[in-house]
Amino acid sequence: MSIEAYAWVTNHAPPPGLAARAVLYALADLAWSDGRDACASSKHLAEKVAMNASNVRRCLRELEAGGWIRRGNPAVVAHLPEYERPAVWDLDLSLRRPAHRTPADTERGGCSEWA
């Protein structure tokens, strides 16, 4: 598990929908500290996030289209038989959620970091 990638999803990743965020957390759990080489089949991810594989594939497309993830280096799984090779994903840890603090946030005691 990558603490850095997991913390990125928690603190800095732009907020996708809840299902896509769950898949992003699952990928972060499998990635290295630089966010690279998260290897998992949609079936494995589905088991991790308790949803069906078709929904996971939809979330992966959404995350890829939004720039949160991109296809990783397939050589990482080249040692596996071709029919058993999972997808490899890299998380873009450079993405940052924009801070939208307002004066009202300060007046409330800063309870809501993101408006």
PDB file of N, CA and C in Angstrom:
ATOM      1  N   MET A   1       0.839  -1.182   0.000  1.00  0.00           N
ATOM      2  CA  MET A   1       0.000   0.000   0.000  1.00  0.00           C
ATOM      3  C   MET A   1       0.881   1.241   0.000  1.00  0.00           C
ATOM      4  N   SER A   2       0.464   2.245  -0.745  1.00  0.00           N
ATOM      5  CA  SER A   2       1.201   3.494  -0.794  1.00  0.00           C
ATOM      6  C   SER A   2       0.496   4.547   0.055  1.00  0.00           C
ATOM      7  N   ILE A   3       1.126   4.917   1.140  1.00  0.00           N
ATOM      8  CA  ILE A   3       0.580   5.979   1.988  1.00  0.00           C
ATOM      9  C   ILE A   3       0.498   7.279   1.199  1.00  0.00           C
ATOM     10  N   GLU A   4       1.507   7.555   0.374  1.00  0.00           N
ATOM     11  CA  GLU A   4       1.530   8.798  -0.413  1.00  0.00           C
ATOM     12  C   GLU A   4       0.354   8.854  -1.387  1.00  0.00           C
ATOM     13  N   ALA A   5       0.118   7.768  -2.117  1.00  0.00           N
ATOM     14  CA  ALA A   5      -0.987   7.749  -3.084  1.00  0.00           C
ATOM     15  C   ALA A   5      -2.335   7.804  -2.364  1.00  0.00           C
ATOM     16  N   TYR A   6      -2.436   7.089  -1.259  1.00  0.00           N
ATOM     17  CA  TYR A   6      -3.686   7.088  -0.475  1.00  0.00           C
ATOM     18  C   TYR A   6      -3.963   8.486   0.089  1.00  0.00           C
ATOM     19  N   ALA A   7      -2.923   9.144   0.588  1.00  0.00           N
ATOM     20  CA  ALA A   7      -3.075  10.507   1.114  1.00  0.00           C
ATOM     21  C   ALA A   7      -3.445  11.477  -0.003  1.00  0.00           C
ATOM     22  N   TRP A   8      -2.922  11.256  -1.200  1.00  0.00           N
ATOM     23  CA  TRP A   8      -3.269  12.111  -2.340  1.00  0.00           C
ATOM     24  C   TRP A   8      -4.767  12.030  -2.621  1.00  0.00           C
ATOM     25  N   VAL A   9      -5.318  10.817  -2.625  1.00  0.00           N
ATOM     26  CA  VAL A   9      -6.757  10.672  -2.870  1.00  0.00           C
ATOM     27  C   VAL A   9      -7.535  11.396  -1.779  1.00  0.00           C
ATOM     28  N   THR A  10      -7.099  11.252  -0.533  1.00  0.00           N
ATOM     29  CA  THR A  10      -7.798  11.855   0.590  1.00  0.00           C
ATOM     30  C   THR A  10      -7.703  13.374   0.591  1.00  0.00           C
ATOM     31  N   ASN A  11      -6.512  13.902   0.364  1.00  0.00           N
ATOM     32  CA  ASN A  11      -6.266  15.328   0.581  1.00  0.00           C
ATOM     33  C   ASN A  11      -6.181  16.191  -0.664  1.00  0.00           C
ATOM     34  N   HIS A  12      -5.843  15.605  -1.812  1.00  0.00           N
ATOM     35  CA  HIS A  12      -5.532  16.451  -2.959  1.00  0.00           C
ATOM     36  C   HIS A  12      -6.245  16.101  -4.252  1.00  0.00           C
ATOM     37  N   ALA A  13      -6.725  14.881  -4.398  1.00  0.00           N
ATOM     38  CA  ALA A  13      -7.322  14.495  -5.673  1.00  0.00           C
ATOM     39  C   ALA A  13      -8.610  15.262  -5.911  1.00  0.00           C
ATOM     40  N   PRO A  14      -8.788  15.754  -7.129  1.00  0.00           N
ATOM     41  CA  PRO A  14     -10.073  16.377  -7.440  1.00  0.00           C
ATOM     42  C   PRO A  14     -11.182  15.360  -7.207  1.00  0.00           C
ATOM     43  N   PRO A  15     -12.312  15.773  -6.680  1.00  0.00           N
ATOM     44  CA  PRO A  15     -13.328  14.801  -6.253  1.00  0.00           C
ATOM     45  C   PRO A  15     -14.141  14.203  -7.397  1.00  0.00           C
ATOM     46  N   PRO A  16     -13.878  12.942  -7.756  1.00  0.00           N
ATOM     47  CA  PRO A  16     -14.775  12.268  -8.701  1.00  0.00           C
ATOM     48  C   PRO A  16     -16.028  11.832  -7.943  1.00  0.00           C
ATOM     49  N   GLY A  17     -16.919  11.156  -8.617  1.00  0.00           N
ATOM     50  CA  GLY A  17     -18.101  10.622  -7.942  1.00  0.00           C
ATOM     51  C   GLY A  17     -17.697   9.603  -6.888  1.00  0.00           C
ATOM     52  N   LEU A  18     -18.621   9.244  -6.030  1.00  0.00           N
ATOM     53  CA  LEU A  18     -18.315   8.345  -4.921  1.00  0.00           C
ATOM     54  C   LEU A  18     -17.813   6.984  -5.384  1.00  0.00           C
ATOM     55  N   ALA A  19     -18.436   6.406  -6.402  1.00  0.00           N
ATOM     56  CA  ALA A  19     -17.996   5.098  -6.886  1.00  0.00           C
ATOM     57  C   ALA A  19     -16.589   5.194  -7.480  1.00  0.00           C
ATOM     58  N   ALA A  20     -16.343   6.229  -8.277  1.00  0.00           N
ATOM     59  CA  ALA A  20     -15.013   6.408  -8.872  1.00  0.00           C
ATOM     60  C   ALA A  20     -13.974   6.682  -7.790  1.00  0.00           C
ATOM     61  N   ARG A  21     -14.351   7.405  -6.760  1.00  0.00           N
ATOM     62  CA  ARG A  21     -13.426   7.668  -5.659  1.00  0.00           C
ATOM     63  C   ARG A  21     -13.055   6.367  -4.950  1.00  0.00           C
ATOM     64  N   ALA A  22     -14.018   5.467  -4.773  1.00  0.00           N
ATOM     65  CA  ALA A  22     -13.725   4.173  -4.150  1.00  0.00           C
ATOM     66  C   ALA A  22     -12.734   3.386  -4.995  1.00  0.00           C
ATOM     67  N   VAL A  23     -12.895   3.406  -6.308  1.00  0.00           N
ATOM     68  CA  VAL A  23     -11.959   2.720  -7.205  1.00  0.00           C
ATOM     69  C   VAL A  23     -10.593   3.399  -7.141  1.00  0.00           C
ATOM     70  N   LEU A  24     -10.572   4.721  -7.057  1.00  0.00           N
ATOM     71  CA  LEU A  24      -9.307   5.447  -6.952  1.00  0.00           C
ATOM     72  C   LEU A  24      -8.576   5.087  -5.661  1.00  0.00           C
ATOM     73  N   TYR A  25      -9.298   4.957  -4.561  1.00  0.00           N
ATOM     74  CA  TYR A  25      -8.687   4.498  -3.304  1.00  0.00           C
ATOM     75  C   TYR A  25      -8.111   3.089  -3.459  1.00  0.00           C
ATOM     76  N   ALA A  26      -8.862   2.203  -4.121  1.00  0.00           N
ATOM     77  CA  ALA A  26      -8.385   0.835  -4.316  1.00  0.00           C
ATOM     78  C   ALA A  26      -7.106   0.824  -5.150  1.00  0.00           C
ATOM     79  N   LEU A  27      -7.042   1.666  -6.180  1.00  0.00           N
ATOM     80  CA  LEU A  27      -5.821   1.754  -6.990  1.00  0.00           C
ATOM     81  C   LEU A  27      -4.670   2.327  -6.168  1.00  0.00           C
ATOM     82  N   ALA A  28      -4.953   3.332  -5.361  1.00  0.00           N
ATOM     83  CA  ALA A  28      -3.919   3.925  -4.509  1.00  0.00           C
ATOM     84  C   ALA A  28      -3.362   2.887  -3.543  1.00  0.00           C
ATOM     85  N   ASP A  29      -4.215   2.002  -3.101  1.00  0.00           N
ATOM     86  CA  ASP A  29      -3.796   0.939  -2.187  1.00  0.00           C
ATOM     87  C   ASP A  29      -2.821  -0.018  -2.864  1.00  0.00           C
ATOM     88  N   LEU A  30      -2.904  -0.123  -4.191  1.00  0.00           N
ATOM     89  CA  LEU A  30      -2.059  -1.050  -4.941  1.00  0.00           C
ATOM     90  C   LEU A  30      -0.833  -0.384  -5.562  1.00  0.00           C
ATOM     91  N   ALA A  31      -0.795   0.938  -5.577  1.00  0.00           N
ATOM     92  CA  ALA A  31       0.277   1.678  -6.264  1.00  0.00           C
ATOM     93  C   ALA A  31       1.520   1.820  -5.397  1.00  0.00           C
ATOM     94  N   TRP A  32       2.625   2.133  -6.059  1.00  0.00           N
ATOM     95  CA  TRP A  32       3.859   2.483  -5.354  1.00  0.00           C
ATOM     96  C   TRP A  32       3.733   3.916  -4.842  1.00  0.00           C
ATOM     97  N   SER A  33       4.706   4.378  -4.084  1.00  0.00           N
ATOM     98  CA  SER A  33       4.635   5.705  -3.467  1.00  0.00           C
ATOM     99  C   SER A  33       4.574   6.829  -4.499  1.00  0.00           C
ATOM    100  N   ASP A  34       5.044   6.576  -5.717  1.00  0.00           N
ATOM    101  CA  ASP A  34       4.971   7.597  -6.770  1.00  0.00           C
ATOM    102  C   ASP A  34       3.665   7.508  -7.555  1.00  0.00           C
ATOM    103  N   GLY A  35       2.759   6.612  -7.132  1.00  0.00           N
ATOM    104  CA  GLY A  35       1.471   6.479  -7.779  1.00  0.00           C
ATOM    105  C   GLY A  35       1.466   5.557  -8.987  1.00  0.00           C
ATOM    106  N   ARG A  36       2.606   4.936  -9.272  1.00  0.00           N
ATOM    107  CA  ARG A  36       2.710   4.113 -10.477  1.00  0.00           C
ATOM    108  C   ARG A  36       2.485   2.638 -10.182  1.00  0.00           C
ATOM    109  N   ASP A  37       2.197   1.933 -11.265  1.00  0.00           N
ATOM    110  CA  ASP A  37       2.165   0.465 -11.285  1.00  0.00           C
ATOM    111  C   ASP A  37       1.113  -0.171 -10.390  1.00  0.00           C
ATOM    112  N   ALA A  38      -0.075   0.396 -10.359  1.00  0.00           N
ATOM    113  CA  ALA A  38      -1.196  -0.247  -9.665  1.00  0.00           C
ATOM    114  C   ALA A  38      -1.758  -1.296 -10.624  1.00  0.00           C
ATOM    115  N   CYS A  39      -1.554  -2.545 -10.310  1.00  0.00           N
ATOM    116  CA  CYS A  39      -1.969  -3.647 -11.178  1.00  0.00           C
ATOM    117  C   CYS A  39      -3.180  -4.334 -10.583  1.00  0.00           C
ATOM    118  N   ALA A  40      -4.264  -4.342 -11.326  1.00  0.00           N
ATOM    119  CA  ALA A  40      -5.460  -5.022 -10.830  1.00  0.00           C
ATOM    120  C   ALA A  40      -6.450  -5.228 -11.956  1.00  0.00           C
ATOM    121  N   SER A  41      -7.068  -6.382 -11.947  1.00  0.00           N
ATOM    122  CA  SER A  41      -8.157  -6.628 -12.890  1.00  0.00           C
ATOM    123  C   SER A  41      -9.404  -5.913 -12.374  1.00  0.00           C
ATOM    124  N   SER A  42     -10.359  -5.696 -13.264  1.00  0.00           N
ATOM    125  CA  SER A  42     -11.609  -5.071 -12.818  1.00  0.00           C
ATOM    126  C   SER A  42     -12.331  -5.992 -11.836  1.00  0.00           C
ATOM    127  N   LYS A  43     -12.153  -7.308 -11.977  1.00  0.00           N
ATOM    128  CA  LYS A  43     -12.762  -8.247 -11.030  1.00  0.00           C
ATOM    129  C   LYS A  43     -12.158  -8.073  -9.637  1.00  0.00           C
ATOM    130  N   HIS A  44     -10.830  -7.954  -9.564  1.00  0.00           N
ATOM    131  CA  HIS A  44     -10.171  -7.768  -8.264  1.00  0.00           C
ATOM    132  C   HIS A  44     -10.592  -6.442  -7.632  1.00  0.00           C
ATOM    133  N   LEU A  45     -10.619  -5.377  -8.429  1.00  0.00           N
ATOM    134  CA  LEU A  45     -11.055  -4.081  -7.910  1.00  0.00           C
ATOM    135  C   LEU A  45     -12.501  -4.140  -7.438  1.00  0.00           C
ATOM    136  N   ALA A  46     -13.337  -4.855  -8.186  1.00  0.00           N
ATOM    137  CA  ALA A  46     -14.746  -4.983  -7.807  1.00  0.00           C
ATOM    138  C   ALA A  46     -14.884  -5.636  -6.435  1.00  0.00           C
ATOM    139  N   GLU A  47     -14.064  -6.634  -6.181  1.00  0.00           N
ATOM    140  CA  GLU A  47     -14.097  -7.286  -4.869  1.00  0.00           C
ATOM    141  C   GLU A  47     -13.637  -6.332  -3.768  1.00  0.00           C
ATOM    142  N   LYS A  48     -12.623  -5.520  -4.059  1.00  0.00           N
ATOM    143  CA  LYS A  48     -12.098  -4.578  -3.057  1.00  0.00           C
ATOM    144  C   LYS A  48     -13.106  -3.499  -2.689  1.00  0.00           C
ATOM    145  N   VAL A  49     -13.892  -3.051  -3.674  1.00  0.00           N
ATOM    146  CA  VAL A  49     -14.788  -1.916  -3.429  1.00  0.00           C
ATOM    147  C   VAL A  49     -16.259  -2.320  -3.357  1.00  0.00           C
ATOM    148  N   ALA A  50     -16.525  -3.613  -3.393  1.00  0.00           N
ATOM    149  CA  ALA A  50     -17.887  -4.146  -3.261  1.00  0.00           C
ATOM    150  C   ALA A  50     -18.855  -3.576  -4.303  1.00  0.00           C
ATOM    151  N   MET A  51     -18.454  -3.667  -5.564  1.00  0.00           N
ATOM    152  CA  MET A  51     -19.354  -3.327  -6.663  1.00  0.00           C
ATOM    153  C   MET A  51     -19.094  -4.303  -7.798  1.00  0.00           C
ATOM    154  N   ASN A  52     -19.935  -4.288  -8.799  1.00  0.00           N
ATOM    155  CA  ASN A  52     -19.718  -5.251  -9.878  1.00  0.00           C
ATOM    156  C   ASN A  52     -18.645  -4.756 -10.845  1.00  0.00           C
ATOM    157  N   ALA A  53     -18.078  -5.687 -11.591  1.00  0.00           N
ATOM    158  CA  ALA A  53     -16.939  -5.377 -12.459  1.00  0.00           C
ATOM    159  C   ALA A  53     -17.298  -4.386 -13.560  1.00  0.00           C
ATOM    160  N   SER A  54     -18.526  -4.422 -14.055  1.00  0.00           N
ATOM    161  CA  SER A  54     -18.897  -3.466 -15.106  1.00  0.00           C
ATOM    162  C   SER A  54     -18.911  -2.038 -14.561  1.00  0.00           C
ATOM    163  N   ASN A  55     -19.341  -1.850 -13.326  1.00  0.00           N
ATOM    164  CA  ASN A  55     -19.294  -0.515 -12.712  1.00  0.00           C
ATOM    165  C   ASN A  55     -17.850  -0.080 -12.493  1.00  0.00           C
ATOM    166  N   VAL A  56     -16.991  -1.002 -12.111  1.00  0.00           N
ATOM    167  CA  VAL A  56     -15.571  -0.672 -11.939  1.00  0.00           C
ATOM    168  C   VAL A  56     -14.989  -0.218 -13.274  1.00  0.00           C
ATOM    169  N   ARG A  57     -15.299  -0.937 -14.351  1.00  0.00           N
ATOM    170  CA  ARG A  57     -14.782  -0.537 -15.671  1.00  0.00           C
ATOM    171  C   ARG A  57     -15.282   0.848 -16.055  1.00  0.00           C
ATOM    172  N   ARG A  58     -16.552   1.159 -15.734  1.00  0.00           N
ATOM    173  CA  ARG A  58     -17.097   2.500 -16.008  1.00  0.00           C
ATOM    174  C   ARG A  58     -16.331   3.545 -15.208  1.00  0.00           C
ATOM    175  N   CYS A  59     -16.058   3.245 -13.932  1.00  0.00           N
ATOM    176  CA  CYS A  59     -15.296   4.175 -13.084  1.00  0.00           C
ATOM    177  C   CYS A  59     -13.880   4.364 -13.607  1.00  0.00           C
ATOM    178  N   LEU A  60     -13.250   3.292 -14.069  1.00  0.00           N
ATOM    179  CA  LEU A  60     -11.899   3.402 -14.619  1.00  0.00           C
ATOM    180  C   LEU A  60     -11.900   4.303 -15.852  1.00  0.00           C
ATOM    181  N   ARG A  61     -12.916   4.158 -16.711  1.00  0.00           N
ATOM    182  CA  ARG A  61     -13.013   5.042 -17.887  1.00  0.00           C
ATOM    183  C   ARG A  61     -13.187   6.495 -17.454  1.00  0.00           C
ATOM    184  N   GLU A  62     -14.030   6.718 -16.437  1.00  0.00           N
ATOM    185  CA  GLU A  62     -14.256   8.071 -15.918  1.00  0.00           C
ATOM    186  C   GLU A  62     -12.968   8.660 -15.339  1.00  0.00           C
ATOM    187  N   LEU A  63     -12.255   7.859 -14.564  1.00  0.00           N
ATOM    188  CA  LEU A  63     -11.007   8.332 -13.958  1.00  0.00           C
ATOM    189  C   LEU A  63      -9.949   8.609 -15.021  1.00  0.00           C
ATOM    190  N   GLU A  64      -9.892   7.751 -16.033  1.00  0.00           N
ATOM    191  CA  GLU A  64      -8.919   7.956 -17.105  1.00  0.00           C
ATOM    192  C   GLU A  64      -9.269   9.201 -17.918  1.00  0.00           C
ATOM    193  N   ALA A  65     -10.540   9.377 -18.250  1.00  0.00           N
ATOM    194  CA  ALA A  65     -10.976  10.554 -19.020  1.00  0.00           C
ATOM    195  C   ALA A  65     -10.733  11.847 -18.241  1.00  0.00           C
ATOM    196  N   GLY A  66     -10.875  11.801 -16.914  1.00  0.00           N
ATOM    197  CA  GLY A  66     -10.663  12.980 -16.087  1.00  0.00           C
ATOM    198  C   GLY A  66      -9.210  13.263 -15.759  1.00  0.00           C
ATOM    199  N   GLY A  67      -8.319  12.354 -16.148  1.00  0.00           N
ATOM    200  CA  GLY A  67      -6.894  12.580 -15.922  1.00  0.00           C
ATOM    201  C   GLY A  67      -6.379  12.117 -14.567  1.00  0.00           C
ATOM    202  N   TRP A  68      -7.225  11.493 -13.749  1.00  0.00           N
ATOM    203  CA  TRP A  68      -6.766  11.012 -12.446  1.00  0.00           C
ATOM    204  C   TRP A  68      -5.813   9.833 -12.600  1.00  0.00           C
ATOM    205  N   ILE A  69      -6.088   8.982 -13.622  1.00  0.00           N
ATOM    206  CA  ILE A  69      -5.242   7.821 -13.880  1.00  0.00           C
ATOM    207  C   ILE A  69      -4.906   7.759 -15.365  1.00  0.00           C
ATOM    208  N   ARG A  70      -3.868   7.012 -15.680  1.00  0.00           N
ATOM    209  CA  ARG A  70      -3.518   6.746 -17.076  1.00  0.00           C
ATOM    210  C   ARG A  70      -2.963   5.326 -17.150  1.00  0.00           C
ATOM    211  N   ARG A  71      -2.949   4.774 -18.342  1.00  0.00           N
ATOM    212  CA  ARG A  71      -2.419   3.429 -18.535  1.00  0.00           C
ATOM    213  C   ARG A  71      -0.955   3.404 -18.139  1.00  0.00           C
ATOM    214  N   GLY A  72      -0.594   2.383 -17.397  1.00  0.00           N
ATOM    215  CA  GLY A  72       0.784   2.231 -16.936  1.00  0.00           C
ATOM    216  C   GLY A  72       1.593   1.353 -17.873  1.00  0.00           C
ATOM    217  N   ASN A  73       2.774   1.004 -17.441  1.00  0.00           N
ATOM    218  CA  ASN A  73       3.714   0.225 -18.219  1.00  0.00           C
ATOM    219  C   ASN A  73       3.310  -1.255 -18.205  1.00  0.00           C
ATOM    220  N   PRO A  74       2.906  -1.812 -19.358  1.00  0.00           N
ATOM    221  CA  PRO A  74       2.484  -3.212 -19.380  1.00  0.00           C
ATOM    222  C   PRO A  74       3.619  -4.194 -19.094  1.00  0.00           C
ATOM    223  N   ALA A  75       4.854  -3.743 -19.175  1.00  0.00           N
ATOM    224  CA  ALA A  75       5.988  -4.619 -18.880  1.00  0.00           C
ATOM    225  C   ALA A  75       5.975  -5.080 -17.421  1.00  0.00           C
ATOM    226  N   VAL A  76       5.283  -4.330 -16.565  1.00  0.00           N
ATOM    227  CA  VAL A  76       5.196  -4.678 -15.143  1.00  0.00           C
ATOM    228  C   VAL A  76       4.542  -6.044 -14.950  1.00  0.00           C
ATOM    229  N   VAL A  77       3.616  -6.396 -15.836  1.00  0.00           N
ATOM    230  CA  VAL A  77       2.922  -7.682 -15.714  1.00  0.00           C
ATOM    231  C   VAL A  77       3.290  -8.646 -16.836  1.00  0.00           C
ATOM    232  N   ALA A  78       4.358  -8.355 -17.559  1.00  0.00           N
ATOM    233  CA  ALA A  78       4.758  -9.187 -18.698  1.00  0.00           C
ATOM    234  C   ALA A  78       5.154 -10.599 -18.279  1.00  0.00           C
ATOM    235  N   HIS A  79       5.519 -10.784 -17.028  1.00  0.00           N
ATOM    236  CA  HIS A  79       5.912 -12.111 -16.555  1.00  0.00           C
ATOM    237  C   HIS A  79       4.720 -13.056 -16.394  1.00  0.00           C
ATOM    238  N   LEU A  80       3.513 -12.516 -16.409  1.00  0.00           N
ATOM    239  CA  LEU A  80       2.300 -13.326 -16.271  1.00  0.00           C
ATOM    240  C   LEU A  80       1.842 -13.830 -17.631  1.00  0.00           C
ATOM    241  N   PRO A  81       1.150 -14.978 -17.664  1.00  0.00           N
ATOM    242  CA  PRO A  81       0.570 -15.416 -18.933  1.00  0.00           C
ATOM    243  C   PRO A  81      -0.354 -14.334 -19.484  1.00  0.00           C
ATOM    244  N   GLU A  82      -0.383 -14.181 -20.791  1.00  0.00           N
ATOM    245  CA  GLU A  82      -1.125 -13.081 -21.412  1.00  0.00           C
ATOM    246  C   GLU A  82      -2.596 -13.043 -20.980  1.00  0.00           C
ATOM    247  N   TYR A  83      -3.221 -14.183 -20.824  1.00  0.00           N
ATOM    248  CA  TYR A  83      -4.638 -14.221 -20.457  1.00  0.00           C
ATOM    249  C   TYR A  83      -4.879 -13.886 -18.984  1.00  0.00           C
ATOM    250  N   GLU A  84      -3.812 -13.785 -18.176  1.00  0.00           N
ATOM    251  CA  GLU A  84      -3.942 -13.456 -16.759  1.00  0.00           C
ATOM    252  C   GLU A  84      -3.415 -12.062 -16.413  1.00  0.00           C
ATOM    253  N   ARG A  85      -3.017 -11.300 -17.407  1.00  0.00           N
ATOM    254  CA  ARG A  85      -2.419  -9.988 -17.146  1.00  0.00           C
ATOM    255  C   ARG A  85      -3.475  -8.946 -16.800  1.00  0.00           C
ATOM    256  N   PRO A  86      -3.366  -8.369 -15.616  1.00  0.00           N
ATOM    257  CA  PRO A  86      -4.295  -7.285 -15.270  1.00  0.00           C
ATOM    258  C   PRO A  86      -3.833  -5.973 -15.919  1.00  0.00           C
ATOM    259  N   ALA A  87      -4.699  -5.014 -15.907  1.00  0.00           N
ATOM    260  CA  ALA A  87      -4.327  -3.676 -16.378  1.00  0.00           C
ATOM    261  C   ALA A  87      -3.348  -3.062 -15.386  1.00  0.00           C
ATOM    262  N   VAL A  88      -2.499  -2.191 -15.890  1.00  0.00           N
ATOM    263  CA  VAL A  88      -1.562  -1.443 -15.046  1.00  0.00           C
ATOM    264  C   VAL A  88      -1.968   0.022 -15.147  1.00  0.00           C
ATOM    265  N   TRP A  89      -2.113   0.657 -13.981  1.00  0.00           N
ATOM    266  CA  TRP A  89      -2.550   2.047 -13.930  1.00  0.00           C
ATOM    267  C   TRP A  89      -1.548   2.890 -13.158  1.00  0.00           C
ATOM    268  N   ASP A  90      -1.363   4.117 -13.621  1.00  0.00           N
ATOM    269  CA  ASP A  90      -0.566   5.114 -12.907  1.00  0.00           C
ATOM    270  C   ASP A  90      -1.507   6.220 -12.461  1.00  0.00           C
ATOM    271  N   LEU A  91      -1.398   6.629 -11.206  1.00  0.00           N
ATOM    272  CA  LEU A  91      -2.189   7.735 -10.680  1.00  0.00           C
ATOM    273  C   LEU A  91      -1.417   9.029 -10.909  1.00  0.00           C
ATOM    274  N   ASP A  92      -2.102  10.089 -11.296  1.00  0.00           N
ATOM    275  CA  ASP A  92      -1.446  11.376 -11.522  1.00  0.00           C
ATOM    276  C   ASP A  92      -1.438  12.167 -10.220  1.00  0.00           C
ATOM    277  N   LEU A  93      -0.401  11.937  -9.420  1.00  0.00           N
ATOM    278  CA  LEU A  93      -0.318  12.583  -8.106  1.00  0.00           C
ATOM    279  C   LEU A  93      -0.078  14.090  -8.192  1.00  0.00           C
ATOM    280  N   SER A  94       0.139  14.609  -9.400  1.00  0.00           N
ATOM    281  CA  SER A  94       0.335  16.055  -9.538  1.00  0.00           C
ATOM    282  C   SER A  94      -0.994  16.813  -9.534  1.00  0.00           C
ATOM    283  N   LEU A  95      -2.101  16.119  -9.765  1.00  0.00           N
ATOM    284  CA  LEU A  95      -3.408  16.789  -9.720  1.00  0.00           C
ATOM    285  C   LEU A  95      -3.692  17.250  -8.300  1.00  0.00           C
ATOM    286  N   ARG A  96      -4.245  18.433  -8.176  1.00  0.00           N
ATOM    287  CA  ARG A  96      -4.577  18.995  -6.867  1.00  0.00           C
ATOM    288  C   ARG A  96      -5.968  19.577  -6.905  1.00  0.00           C
ATOM    289  N   ARG A  97      -6.720  19.328  -5.861  1.00  0.00           N
ATOM    290  CA  ARG A  97      -8.055  19.896  -5.695  1.00  0.00           C
ATOM    291  C   ARG A  97      -7.900  21.390  -5.457  1.00  0.00           C
ATOM    292  N   PRO A  98      -8.639  22.220  -6.172  1.00  0.00           N
ATOM    293  CA  PRO A  98      -8.540  23.657  -5.918  1.00  0.00           C
ATOM    294  C   PRO A  98      -9.186  24.011  -4.579  1.00  0.00           C
ATOM    295  N   ALA A  99      -8.531  24.868  -3.854  1.00  0.00           N
ATOM    296  CA  ALA A  99      -9.073  25.323  -2.571  1.00  0.00           C
ATOM    297  C   ALA A  99     -10.044  26.468  -2.846  1.00  0.00           C
ATOM    298  N   HIS A 100     -11.249  26.344  -2.343  1.00  0.00           N
ATOM    299  CA  HIS A 100     -12.275  27.380  -2.526  1.00  0.00           C
ATOM    300  C   HIS A 100     -12.713  27.894  -1.164  1.00  0.00           C
ATOM    301  N   ARG A 101     -11.792  28.363  -0.389  1.00  0.00           N
ATOM    302  CA  ARG A 101     -12.127  28.882   0.939  1.00  0.00           C
ATOM    303  C   ARG A 101     -12.773  30.248   0.789  1.00  0.00           C
ATOM    304  N   THR A 102     -13.709  30.500   1.633  1.00  0.00           N
ATOM    305  CA  THR A 102     -14.384  31.788   1.638  1.00  0.00           C
ATOM    306  C   THR A 102     -14.220  32.411   3.014  1.00  0.00           C
ATOM    307  N   PRO A 103     -14.452  33.711   3.144  1.00  0.00           N
ATOM    308  CA  PRO A 103     -14.393  34.328   4.477  1.00  0.00           C
ATOM    309  C   PRO A 103     -15.338  33.654   5.464  1.00  0.00           C
ATOM    310  N   ALA A 104     -16.463  33.134   4.975  1.00  0.00           N
ATOM    311  CA  ALA A 104     -17.418  32.463   5.866  1.00  0.00           C
ATOM    312  C   ALA A 104     -16.792  31.212   6.490  1.00  0.00           C
ATOM    313  N   ASP A 105     -15.874  30.539   5.781  1.00  0.00           N
ATOM    314  CA  ASP A 105     -15.207  29.360   6.340  1.00  0.00           C
ATOM    315  C   ASP A 105     -14.416  29.742   7.580  1.00  0.00           C
ATOM    316  N   THR A 106     -13.751  30.868   7.526  1.00  0.00           N
ATOM    317  CA  THR A 106     -12.958  31.332   8.664  1.00  0.00           C
ATOM    318  C   THR A 106     -13.872  31.690   9.829  1.00  0.00           C
ATOM    319  N   GLU A 107     -15.003  32.352   9.526  1.00  0.00           N
ATOM    320  CA  GLU A 107     -15.949  32.733  10.571  1.00  0.00           C
ATOM    321  C   GLU A 107     -16.551  31.510  11.260  1.00  0.00           C
ATOM    322  N   ARG A 108     -16.700  30.402  10.523  1.00  0.00           N
ATOM    323  CA  ARG A 108     -17.259  29.180  11.101  1.00  0.00           C
ATOM    324  C   ARG A 108     -16.210  28.398  11.877  1.00  0.00           C
ATOM    325  N   GLY A 109     -15.020  28.904  11.933  1.00  0.00           N
ATOM    326  CA  GLY A 109     -13.971  28.200  12.647  1.00  0.00           C
ATOM    327  C   GLY A 109     -13.211  27.234  11.752  1.00  0.00           C
ATOM    328  N   GLY A 110     -13.375  27.347  10.439  1.00  0.00           N
ATOM    329  CA  GLY A 110     -12.636  26.502   9.519  1.00  0.00           C
ATOM    330  C   GLY A 110     -13.075  25.056   9.516  1.00  0.00           C
ATOM    331  N   CYS A 111     -14.304  24.763   9.879  1.00  0.00           N
ATOM    332  CA  CYS A 111     -14.775  23.378   9.923  1.00  0.00           C
ATOM    333  C   CYS A 111     -14.817  22.743   8.542  1.00  0.00           C
ATOM    334  N   SER A 112     -15.067  23.540   7.537  1.00  0.00           N
ATOM    335  CA  SER A 112     -15.128  23.021   6.192  1.00  0.00           C
ATOM    336  C   SER A 112     -13.920  23.514   5.408  1.00  0.00           C
ATOM    337  N   GLU A 113     -12.958  22.615   5.210  1.00  0.00           N
ATOM    338  CA  GLU A 113     -11.744  23.028   4.514  1.00  0.00           C
ATOM    339  C   GLU A 113     -12.040  23.340   3.059  1.00  0.00           C
ATOM    340  N   TRP A 114     -12.987  22.585   2.445  1.00  0.00           N
ATOM    341  CA  TRP A 114     -13.304  22.794   1.042  1.00  0.00           C
ATOM    342  C   TRP A 114     -14.754  23.238   0.927  1.00  0.00           C
ATOM    343  N   ALA A 115     -14.942  24.373   0.295  1.00  0.00           N
ATOM    344  CA  ALA A 115     -16.288  24.907   0.142  1.00  0.00           C
ATOM    345  C   ALA A 115     -16.986  24.251  -1.002  1.00  0.00           C
TER     346      ALA A 115
END
